Amino acid sequence: MLHLKWKDAPTLRTVKCKHTNASKYLVSNVLTVGKDYEVKNETEEFIFIIDNTGNIGGYYKDYFE
């Protein structure tokens, strides 16, 4: 269960949120436009970051620069 250790893992890089206009899910509660987030893991489609709640969340890459 590697995802349980991601919060303490070293940061891979930082990304900036460019929008929260989601077509299907509500992300404006946990992401802030213009804020930098620490990337803890990444796949082809998703970026796993520490969001505004302080927990790891997986989001589509199109929300970030």
N, C-alpha and C. Protein backbone atom coordinates (compact mmCIF):
# COMPACT_ATOMS: atom_id res chain seq x y z
N MET A 1 0.84 -1.18 0.00
CA MET A 1 0.00 0.00 0.00
C MET A 1 0.88 1.24 0.00
N LEU A 2 1.50 1.47 -1.12
CA LEU A 2 2.43 2.57 -1.25
C LEU A 2 1.77 3.94 -1.10
N HIS A 3 0.50 4.06 -1.47
CA HIS A 3 -0.17 5.35 -1.40
C HIS A 3 -0.27 5.89 0.02
N LEU A 4 -0.15 5.04 1.02
CA LEU A 4 -0.19 5.49 2.41
C LEU A 4 1.09 6.23 2.81
N LYS A 5 2.17 6.04 2.06
CA LYS A 5 3.45 6.68 2.37
C LYS A 5 3.72 7.91 1.50
N TRP A 6 2.83 8.24 0.57
CA TRP A 6 3.07 9.36 -0.35
C TRP A 6 3.14 10.70 0.38
N LYS A 7 2.38 10.87 1.44
CA LYS A 7 2.36 12.16 2.13
C LYS A 7 3.73 12.51 2.71
N ASP A 8 4.47 11.50 3.15
CA ASP A 8 5.80 11.70 3.72
C ASP A 8 6.91 11.57 2.69
N ALA A 9 6.56 11.20 1.47
CA ALA A 9 7.56 11.01 0.40
C ALA A 9 8.14 12.35 -0.04
N PRO A 10 9.33 12.36 -0.60
CA PRO A 10 9.90 13.61 -1.10
C PRO A 10 9.08 14.15 -2.28
N THR A 11 9.06 15.46 -2.40
CA THR A 11 8.32 16.11 -3.47
C THR A 11 9.05 15.93 -4.79
N LEU A 12 8.31 15.49 -5.82
CA LEU A 12 8.91 15.30 -7.14
C LEU A 12 9.12 16.64 -7.84
N ARG A 13 8.12 17.51 -7.77
CA ARG A 13 8.17 18.85 -8.36
C ARG A 13 6.95 19.61 -7.86
N THR A 14 6.83 20.86 -8.23
CA THR A 14 5.65 21.63 -7.89
C THR A 14 4.92 22.01 -9.17
N VAL A 15 3.61 22.12 -9.07
CA VAL A 15 2.77 22.52 -10.20
C VAL A 15 1.84 23.63 -9.74
N LYS A 16 1.40 24.45 -10.68
CA LYS A 16 0.49 25.55 -10.38
C LYS A 16 -0.88 25.22 -10.95
N CYS A 17 -1.91 25.42 -10.17
CA CYS A 17 -3.28 25.18 -10.61
C CYS A 17 -3.70 26.29 -11.56
N LYS A 18 -4.17 25.92 -12.76
CA LYS A 18 -4.55 26.94 -13.74
C LYS A 18 -6.05 27.15 -13.82
N HIS A 19 -6.86 26.16 -13.42
CA HIS A 19 -8.32 26.36 -13.38
C HIS A 19 -8.96 25.28 -12.53
N THR A 20 -10.20 25.51 -12.12
CA THR A 20 -10.98 24.52 -11.37
C THR A 20 -12.32 24.28 -12.05
N ASN A 21 -12.38 24.49 -13.35
CA ASN A 21 -13.61 24.30 -14.12
C ASN A 21 -13.74 22.83 -14.51
N ALA A 22 -14.26 22.04 -13.61
CA ALA A 22 -14.41 20.61 -13.86
C ALA A 22 -15.77 20.35 -14.49
N SER A 23 -15.81 19.46 -15.46
CA SER A 23 -17.07 19.15 -16.12
C SER A 23 -17.89 18.13 -15.33
N LYS A 24 -17.23 17.30 -14.54
CA LYS A 24 -17.95 16.23 -13.86
C LYS A 24 -17.85 16.29 -12.34
N TYR A 25 -16.73 16.72 -11.82
CA TYR A 25 -16.49 16.69 -10.37
C TYR A 25 -16.29 18.11 -9.83
N LEU A 26 -16.55 18.30 -8.55
CA LEU A 26 -16.36 19.58 -7.87
C LEU A 26 -14.96 19.61 -7.28
N VAL A 27 -14.06 20.41 -7.85
CA VAL A 27 -12.70 20.50 -7.35
C VAL A 27 -12.37 21.87 -6.78
N SER A 28 -13.28 22.83 -6.90
CA SER A 28 -13.00 24.17 -6.40
C SER A 28 -12.93 24.21 -4.88
N ASN A 29 -13.42 23.20 -4.19
CA ASN A 29 -13.34 23.15 -2.73
C ASN A 29 -11.96 22.76 -2.24
N VAL A 30 -11.17 22.08 -3.08
CA VAL A 30 -9.88 21.56 -2.63
C VAL A 30 -8.70 22.10 -3.43
N LEU A 31 -8.94 22.83 -4.52
CA LEU A 31 -7.87 23.45 -5.30
C LEU A 31 -8.12 24.94 -5.40
N THR A 32 -7.05 25.72 -5.42
CA THR A 32 -7.12 27.17 -5.56
C THR A 32 -6.35 27.57 -6.80
N VAL A 33 -6.99 28.34 -7.67
CA VAL A 33 -6.34 28.79 -8.90
C VAL A 33 -5.15 29.68 -8.56
N GLY A 34 -4.00 29.41 -9.19
CA GLY A 34 -2.80 30.18 -8.97
C GLY A 34 -1.91 29.69 -7.85
N LYS A 35 -2.36 28.72 -7.08
CA LYS A 35 -1.57 28.20 -5.96
C LYS A 35 -0.65 27.08 -6.46
N ASP A 36 0.55 27.00 -5.87
CA ASP A 36 1.49 25.93 -6.19
C ASP A 36 1.25 24.75 -5.26
N TYR A 37 1.29 23.55 -5.83
CA TYR A 37 1.08 22.32 -5.08
C TYR A 37 2.27 21.39 -5.27
N GLU A 38 2.57 20.60 -4.24
CA GLU A 38 3.68 19.65 -4.27
C GLU A 38 3.19 18.33 -4.89
N VAL A 39 3.88 17.88 -5.93
CA VAL A 39 3.54 16.61 -6.57
C VAL A 39 4.24 15.48 -5.83
N LYS A 40 3.45 14.52 -5.38
CA LYS A 40 3.99 13.38 -4.65
C LYS A 40 4.09 12.13 -5.53
N ASN A 41 3.22 12.01 -6.53
CA ASN A 41 3.27 10.89 -7.47
C ASN A 41 2.56 11.34 -8.74
N GLU A 42 2.84 10.64 -9.83
CA GLU A 42 2.29 11.04 -11.12
C GLU A 42 2.10 9.81 -12.00
N THR A 43 0.99 9.78 -12.75
CA THR A 43 0.75 8.75 -13.75
C THR A 43 0.54 9.45 -15.08
N GLU A 44 0.18 8.70 -16.10
CA GLU A 44 -0.05 9.31 -17.41
C GLU A 44 -1.22 10.28 -17.41
N GLU A 45 -2.24 10.00 -16.60
CA GLU A 45 -3.46 10.79 -16.61
C GLU A 45 -3.65 11.67 -15.37
N PHE A 46 -3.09 11.26 -14.25
CA PHE A 46 -3.34 11.92 -12.98
C PHE A 46 -2.05 12.44 -12.33
N ILE A 47 -2.24 13.48 -11.50
CA ILE A 47 -1.19 13.99 -10.62
C ILE A 47 -1.71 13.86 -9.19
N PHE A 48 -0.90 13.32 -8.32
CA PHE A 48 -1.27 13.17 -6.92
C PHE A 48 -0.53 14.24 -6.11
N ILE A 49 -1.30 15.12 -5.49
CA ILE A 49 -0.75 16.28 -4.78
C ILE A 49 -1.31 16.33 -3.36
N ILE A 50 -0.70 17.19 -2.55
CA ILE A 50 -1.29 17.53 -1.26
C ILE A 50 -2.18 18.74 -1.52
N ASP A 51 -3.49 18.55 -1.41
CA ASP A 51 -4.44 19.61 -1.74
C ASP A 51 -4.72 20.52 -0.54
N ASN A 52 -5.72 21.37 -0.63
CA ASN A 52 -6.02 22.34 0.42
C ASN A 52 -6.49 21.69 1.73
N THR A 53 -6.93 20.45 1.67
CA THR A 53 -7.36 19.76 2.89
C THR A 53 -6.18 19.21 3.67
N GLY A 54 -4.99 19.19 3.06
CA GLY A 54 -3.81 18.65 3.71
C GLY A 54 -3.60 17.17 3.45
N ASN A 55 -4.45 16.58 2.62
CA ASN A 55 -4.36 15.16 2.29
C ASN A 55 -3.94 14.99 0.84
N ILE A 56 -3.54 13.78 0.49
CA ILE A 56 -3.19 13.46 -0.89
C ILE A 56 -4.47 13.31 -1.71
N GLY A 57 -4.49 13.95 -2.87
CA GLY A 57 -5.61 13.82 -3.78
C GLY A 57 -5.11 13.62 -5.19
N GLY A 58 -5.83 12.85 -5.98
CA GLY A 58 -5.46 12.61 -7.37
C GLY A 58 -6.35 13.43 -8.29
N TYR A 59 -5.74 14.20 -9.18
CA TYR A 59 -6.48 15.10 -10.06
C TYR A 59 -5.98 14.95 -11.49
N TYR A 60 -6.85 15.22 -12.46
CA TYR A 60 -6.44 15.20 -13.86
C TYR A 60 -5.35 16.24 -14.09
N LYS A 61 -4.45 15.94 -14.99
CA LYS A 61 -3.32 16.84 -15.28
C LYS A 61 -3.75 18.16 -15.92
N ASP A 62 -4.94 18.20 -16.53
CA ASP A 62 -5.35 19.43 -17.22
C ASP A 62 -5.68 20.57 -16.28
N TYR A 63 -5.76 20.33 -14.97
CA TYR A 63 -5.98 21.41 -14.00
C TYR A 63 -4.69 22.18 -13.69
N PHE A 64 -3.55 21.67 -14.13
CA PHE A 64 -2.26 22.21 -13.72
C PHE A 64 -1.40 22.62 -14.91
N GLU A 65 -0.48 23.54 -14.65
CA GLU A 65 0.49 23.99 -15.66
C GLU A 65 1.74 23.15 -15.57
